[in-house]
Amino acid sequence: MNLDFNKNEDKMKLLISQMEQRLQKIYLGGGKSRIDKLHEQGKMSARERIDFLLDKDTPRFEMGAFAGYEMYPEHGGCPGGGVVIADT
């Protein structure tokens, strides 16, 4: 058993877990309170609109989900600037 390999594997799993947690935060857009505010106004979030417009089985891929992540804190921040691509 290679101890260095195991350390590297553990570190990689931790980094992947952190990335997945950040991605879940990005998927919330401006956060749960922002989504609730949109719903109170009778509006949908961007991802909800995409889901509404596309058929349920339409393959889709989000590219650049981390674009702009944690940028522009002086303006309230940027949850992410990805683009959803649908394969129609």
C-alpha atoms as a PDB file:
ATOM      1  CA  MET A   1       0.000   0.000   0.000  1.00  0.00           C
ATOM      2  CA  ASN A   2       1.353   3.396  -1.018  1.00  0.00           C
ATOM      3  CA  LEU A   3       0.872   6.021   1.718  1.00  0.00           C
ATOM      4  CA  ASP A   4       1.512   8.983  -0.618  1.00  0.00           C
ATOM      5  CA  PHE A   5      -1.084   7.686  -3.058  1.00  0.00           C
ATOM      6  CA  ASN A   6      -3.662   7.403  -0.265  1.00  0.00           C
ATOM      7  CA  LYS A   7      -2.909  10.944   0.955  1.00  0.00           C
ATOM      8  CA  ASN A   8      -3.280  12.320  -2.560  1.00  0.00           C
ATOM      9  CA  GLU A   9      -6.495  10.388  -3.084  1.00  0.00           C
ATOM     10  CA  ASP A  10      -7.949  11.734   0.174  1.00  0.00           C
ATOM     11  CA  LYS A  11      -6.954  15.283  -0.728  1.00  0.00           C
ATOM     12  CA  MET A  12      -8.514  14.930  -4.190  1.00  0.00           C
ATOM     13  CA  LYS A  13     -11.772  13.592  -2.721  1.00  0.00           C
ATOM     14  CA  LEU A  14     -11.883  16.557  -0.331  1.00  0.00           C
ATOM     15  CA  LEU A  15     -11.325  19.026  -3.170  1.00  0.00           C
ATOM     16  CA  ILE A  16     -14.053  17.393  -5.267  1.00  0.00           C
ATOM     17  CA  SER A  17     -16.433  17.569  -2.308  1.00  0.00           C
ATOM     18  CA  GLN A  18     -15.678  21.279  -1.844  1.00  0.00           C
ATOM     19  CA  MET A  19     -16.236  21.895  -5.560  1.00  0.00           C
ATOM     20  CA  GLU A  20     -19.585  20.074  -5.468  1.00  0.00           C
ATOM     21  CA  GLN A  21     -20.675  22.149  -2.439  1.00  0.00           C
ATOM     22  CA  ARG A  22     -19.773  25.363  -4.257  1.00  0.00           C
ATOM     23  CA  LEU A  23     -21.653  24.154  -7.320  1.00  0.00           C
ATOM     24  CA  GLN A  24     -24.777  23.584  -5.227  1.00  0.00           C
ATOM     25  CA  LYS A  25     -24.434  27.162  -3.936  1.00  0.00           C
ATOM     26  CA  ILE A  26     -24.121  28.398  -7.523  1.00  0.00           C
ATOM     27  CA  TYR A  27     -27.246  26.476  -8.512  1.00  0.00           C
ATOM     28  CA  LEU A  28     -29.177  28.507  -5.927  1.00  0.00           C
ATOM     29  CA  GLY A  29     -28.305  31.658  -7.872  1.00  0.00           C
ATOM     30  CA  GLY A  30     -28.657  34.582  -5.498  1.00  0.00           C
ATOM     31  CA  GLY A  31     -29.610  32.233  -2.664  1.00  0.00           C
ATOM     32  CA  LYS A  32     -32.804  30.757  -1.263  1.00  0.00           C
ATOM     33  CA  SER A  33     -34.095  34.129  -0.042  1.00  0.00           C
ATOM     34  CA  ARG A  34     -33.664  35.592  -3.550  1.00  0.00           C
ATOM     35  CA  ILE A  35     -35.542  32.663  -5.107  1.00  0.00           C
ATOM     36  CA  ASP A  36     -38.319  33.043  -2.517  1.00  0.00           C
ATOM     37  CA  LYS A  37     -38.566  36.752  -3.365  1.00  0.00           C
ATOM     38  CA  LEU A  38     -38.881  35.909  -7.077  1.00  0.00           C
ATOM     39  CA  HIS A  39     -41.621  33.381  -6.305  1.00  0.00           C
ATOM     40  CA  GLU A  40     -43.505  35.998  -4.238  1.00  0.00           C
ATOM     41  CA  GLN A  41     -43.438  38.246  -7.323  1.00  0.00           C
ATOM     42  CA  GLY A  42     -44.818  35.399  -9.451  1.00  0.00           C
ATOM     43  CA  LYS A  43     -41.485  34.913 -11.225  1.00  0.00           C
ATOM     44  CA  MET A  44     -39.239  31.905 -11.786  1.00  0.00           C
ATOM     45  CA  SER A  45     -35.480  31.657 -11.365  1.00  0.00           C
ATOM     46  CA  ALA A  46     -33.344  31.312 -14.489  1.00  0.00           C
ATOM     47  CA  ARG A  47     -32.945  27.557 -14.036  1.00  0.00           C
ATOM     48  CA  GLU A  48     -36.689  27.161 -13.448  1.00  0.00           C
ATOM     49  CA  ARG A  49     -37.381  29.035 -16.694  1.00  0.00           C
ATOM     50  CA  ILE A  50     -34.975  26.783 -18.571  1.00  0.00           C
ATOM     51  CA  ASP A  51     -36.643  23.685 -17.112  1.00  0.00           C
ATOM     52  CA  PHE A  52     -40.050  25.114 -18.063  1.00  0.00           C
ATOM     53  CA  LEU A  53     -39.012  25.785 -21.672  1.00  0.00           C
ATOM     54  CA  LEU A  54     -37.262  22.486 -22.362  1.00  0.00           C
ATOM     55  CA  ASP A  55     -38.834  19.060 -22.528  1.00  0.00           C
ATOM     56  CA  LYS A  56     -38.110  16.918 -19.487  1.00  0.00           C
ATOM     57  CA  ASP A  57     -35.894  14.462 -21.412  1.00  0.00           C
ATOM     58  CA  THR A  58     -33.901  17.109 -23.307  1.00  0.00           C
ATOM     59  CA  PRO A  59     -30.186  16.621 -22.641  1.00  0.00           C
ATOM     60  CA  ARG A  60     -28.566  19.763 -21.248  1.00  0.00           C
ATOM     61  CA  PHE A  61     -25.143  20.808 -20.102  1.00  0.00           C
ATOM     62  CA  GLU A  62     -24.121  23.849 -18.087  1.00  0.00           C
ATOM     63  CA  MET A  63     -20.835  25.328 -19.195  1.00  0.00           C
ATOM     64  CA  GLY A  64     -18.876  27.824 -17.139  1.00  0.00           C
ATOM     65  CA  ALA A  65     -20.911  27.463 -13.942  1.00  0.00           C
ATOM     66  CA  PHE A  66     -17.975  28.909 -11.969  1.00  0.00           C
ATOM     67  CA  ALA A  67     -17.568  31.923 -14.276  1.00  0.00           C
ATOM     68  CA  GLY A  68     -17.671  35.025 -12.109  1.00  0.00           C
ATOM     69  CA  TYR A  69     -17.886  33.016  -8.882  1.00  0.00           C
ATOM     70  CA  GLU A  70     -17.081  35.236  -5.861  1.00  0.00           C
ATOM     71  CA  MET A  71     -16.326  38.210  -8.117  1.00  0.00           C
ATOM     72  CA  TYR A  72     -17.649  41.747  -7.733  1.00  0.00           C
ATOM     73  CA  PRO A  73     -18.223  41.697  -3.942  1.00  0.00           C
ATOM     74  CA  GLU A  74     -18.519  45.505  -4.023  1.00  0.00           C
ATOM     75  CA  HIS A  75     -21.726  45.056  -6.079  1.00  0.00           C
ATOM     76  CA  GLY A  76     -23.233  42.244  -4.037  1.00  0.00           C
ATOM     77  CA  GLY A  77     -21.285  39.420  -5.637  1.00  0.00           C
ATOM     78  CA  CYS A  78     -21.881  37.140  -8.570  1.00  0.00           C
ATOM     79  CA  PRO A  79     -23.333  33.679  -7.909  1.00  0.00           C
ATOM     80  CA  GLY A  80     -22.035  32.426 -11.263  1.00  0.00           C
ATOM     81  CA  GLY A  81     -22.311  33.173 -14.939  1.00  0.00           C
ATOM     82  CA  GLY A  82     -22.717  29.814 -16.636  1.00  0.00           C
ATOM     83  CA  VAL A  83     -24.559  29.071 -19.831  1.00  0.00           C
ATOM     84  CA  VAL A  84     -26.963  26.165 -20.266  1.00  0.00           C
ATOM     85  CA  ILE A  85     -26.646  24.351 -23.568  1.00  0.00           C
ATOM     86  CA  ALA A  86     -29.498  22.113 -24.699  1.00  0.00           C
ATOM     87  CA  ASP A  87     -28.971  19.377 -27.249  1.00  0.00           C
ATOM     88  CA  THR A  88     -32.122  19.613 -29.334  1.00  0.00           C
END
